[in-house]
Amino acid sequence: MKTNFENLKQTIATLRGPNGCPWDKKQTHESLIKCLQNESQELIDAINNKDDENMKEELGDVLLQVLMNAQIAEEEGKFTIDDVIVYLDEKLHRRHPHVFGDHAKAATPEEALALWREMKKKEREGK
């Protein structure tokens, strides 16, 4: 049984497929930049307005931009949305050693942010 996310991934692939939407099929990473900027700003506005219903819609629109870019990358043989998800999950684990590792616990949000920054710096030094 497919999950909602799998259904959505298939919808995006269909929109960009041979019998899909001409507009969607024409998009590139570069052409989607303005869409991502607009949708991100609309999400920010919904958050600032404490408009939960609109926020739900705008989060979906931002997710659409992520999925469209990942679909384009998959078509180009570069990476998939699953690669993005795995990378993000691994990064969250690395950057939260106070939660997922044996590092000292962060007692405050400031300590957690300091650990995040420390781990990010170590990652960059390792590259």
Protein backbone atom coordinates (compact mmCIF):
# COMPACT_ATOMS: atom_id res chain seq x y z
CA MET A 1 0.00 0.00 0.00
CA LYS A 2 1.42 3.37 -1.02
CA THR A 3 1.84 6.14 1.52
CA ASN A 4 0.58 9.67 0.95
CA PHE A 5 4.17 10.71 0.29
CA GLU A 6 4.69 7.96 -2.30
CA ASN A 7 1.44 9.01 -4.01
CA LEU A 8 2.63 12.62 -4.08
CA LYS A 9 6.01 11.60 -5.54
CA GLN A 10 4.17 9.70 -8.27
CA THR A 11 1.95 12.71 -8.97
CA ILE A 12 5.02 14.91 -9.48
CA ALA A 13 6.62 12.28 -11.76
CA THR A 14 3.38 12.06 -13.77
CA LEU A 15 3.15 15.85 -14.11
CA ARG A 16 6.66 15.85 -15.60
CA GLY A 17 6.16 12.65 -17.59
CA PRO A 18 5.40 12.19 -21.29
CA ASN A 19 1.65 12.75 -20.83
CA GLY A 20 2.09 15.35 -18.12
CA CYS A 21 1.59 19.08 -17.91
CA PRO A 22 3.49 21.18 -20.48
CA TRP A 23 4.33 23.83 -17.87
CA ASP A 24 5.64 21.31 -15.33
CA LYS A 25 7.68 19.45 -17.97
CA LYS A 26 9.37 22.69 -19.05
CA GLN A 27 10.62 23.64 -15.57
CA THR A 28 14.28 23.59 -14.56
CA HIS A 29 16.04 24.20 -11.26
CA GLU A 30 16.69 27.75 -12.44
CA SER A 31 13.14 28.45 -13.61
CA LEU A 32 11.79 27.29 -10.25
CA ILE A 33 13.87 29.74 -8.19
CA LYS A 34 11.25 32.50 -8.41
CA CYS A 35 8.50 30.03 -7.48
CA LEU A 36 10.46 28.90 -4.43
CA GLN A 37 11.05 32.51 -3.39
CA ASN A 38 7.37 33.38 -3.78
CA GLU A 39 6.09 30.30 -1.98
CA SER A 40 8.59 30.77 0.85
CA GLN A 41 7.46 34.36 1.31
CA GLU A 42 3.81 33.31 1.30
CA LEU A 43 4.61 30.77 4.02
CA ILE A 44 6.42 33.43 6.04
CA ASP A 45 3.38 35.71 5.69
CA ALA A 46 1.03 32.95 6.85
CA ILE A 47 3.24 32.30 9.88
CA ASN A 48 3.41 36.00 10.71
CA ASN A 49 -0.37 36.24 10.38
CA LYS A 50 -0.83 33.13 12.57
CA ASP A 51 -3.03 31.77 9.78
CA ASP A 52 -2.87 28.01 10.31
CA GLU A 53 -5.11 27.12 7.37
CA ASN A 54 -3.05 29.21 4.95
CA MET A 55 0.15 27.92 6.55
CA LYS A 56 -0.92 24.35 5.75
CA GLU A 57 -1.43 25.33 2.11
CA GLU A 58 1.83 27.25 1.86
CA LEU A 59 3.84 24.43 3.47
CA GLY A 60 2.44 22.22 0.72
CA ASP A 61 3.51 24.73 -1.90
CA VAL A 62 7.05 24.83 -0.50
CA LEU A 63 7.09 21.02 -0.42
CA LEU A 64 6.02 21.06 -4.07
CA GLN A 65 9.10 23.11 -4.90
CA VAL A 66 11.34 20.62 -3.07
CA LEU A 67 9.73 17.67 -4.86
CA MET A 68 9.87 19.33 -8.28
CA ASN A 69 13.58 20.09 -7.90
CA ALA A 70 14.26 16.56 -6.66
CA GLN A 71 12.29 15.09 -9.59
CA ILE A 72 14.32 17.15 -12.05
CA ALA A 73 17.54 15.97 -10.38
CA GLU A 74 16.35 12.36 -10.57
CA GLU A 75 15.55 12.73 -14.27
CA GLU A 76 19.10 14.06 -14.76
CA GLY A 77 20.53 11.08 -12.85
CA LYS A 78 21.95 13.28 -10.08
CA PHE A 79 19.98 12.34 -6.95
CA THR A 80 16.49 11.44 -5.75
CA ILE A 81 14.16 12.78 -3.07
CA ASP A 82 15.07 9.68 -1.08
CA ASP A 83 18.73 10.77 -1.21
CA VAL A 84 17.68 14.19 0.09
CA ILE A 85 15.72 12.59 2.94
CA VAL A 86 18.57 10.25 3.93
CA TYR A 87 21.09 13.13 3.84
CA LEU A 88 18.84 15.30 6.00
CA ASP A 89 18.23 12.53 8.52
CA GLU A 90 21.96 11.82 8.80
CA LYS A 91 22.71 15.54 9.20
CA LEU A 92 20.11 15.94 11.93
CA HIS A 93 21.67 13.03 13.81
CA ARG A 94 25.20 14.44 13.38
CA ARG A 95 24.21 17.92 14.46
CA HIS A 96 22.28 16.76 17.52
CA PRO A 97 24.91 14.75 19.40
CA HIS A 98 23.21 15.82 22.62
CA VAL A 99 20.12 13.89 21.51
CA PHE A 100 21.42 11.02 19.35
CA GLY A 101 24.99 10.61 20.57
CA ASP A 102 26.93 10.32 23.76
CA HIS A 103 27.67 14.04 23.93
CA ALA A 104 26.77 16.02 27.03
CA LYS A 105 23.15 17.06 27.06
CA ALA A 106 22.19 20.57 26.04
CA ALA A 107 20.18 22.10 28.87
CA THR A 108 19.12 25.24 27.02
CA PRO A 109 18.25 26.24 23.45
CA GLU A 110 21.45 28.31 23.40
CA GLU A 111 23.57 25.27 24.31
CA ALA A 112 21.82 23.23 21.62
CA LEU A 113 22.50 25.95 19.04
CA ALA A 114 26.15 26.10 20.11
CA LEU A 115 26.46 22.32 19.61
CA TRP A 116 24.77 22.62 16.17
CA ARG A 117 27.27 25.28 15.16
CA GLU A 118 30.20 23.26 16.54
CA MET A 119 29.15 20.19 14.56
CA LYS A 120 28.59 22.25 11.41
CA LYS A 121 32.08 23.74 11.76
CA LYS A 122 33.60 20.26 12.16
CA GLU A 123 31.75 19.08 9.05
CA ARG A 124 33.10 21.98 7.00
CA GLU A 125 36.64 21.45 8.27
CA GLY A 126 36.38 17.80 7.23
CA LYS A 127 35.52 18.66 3.61
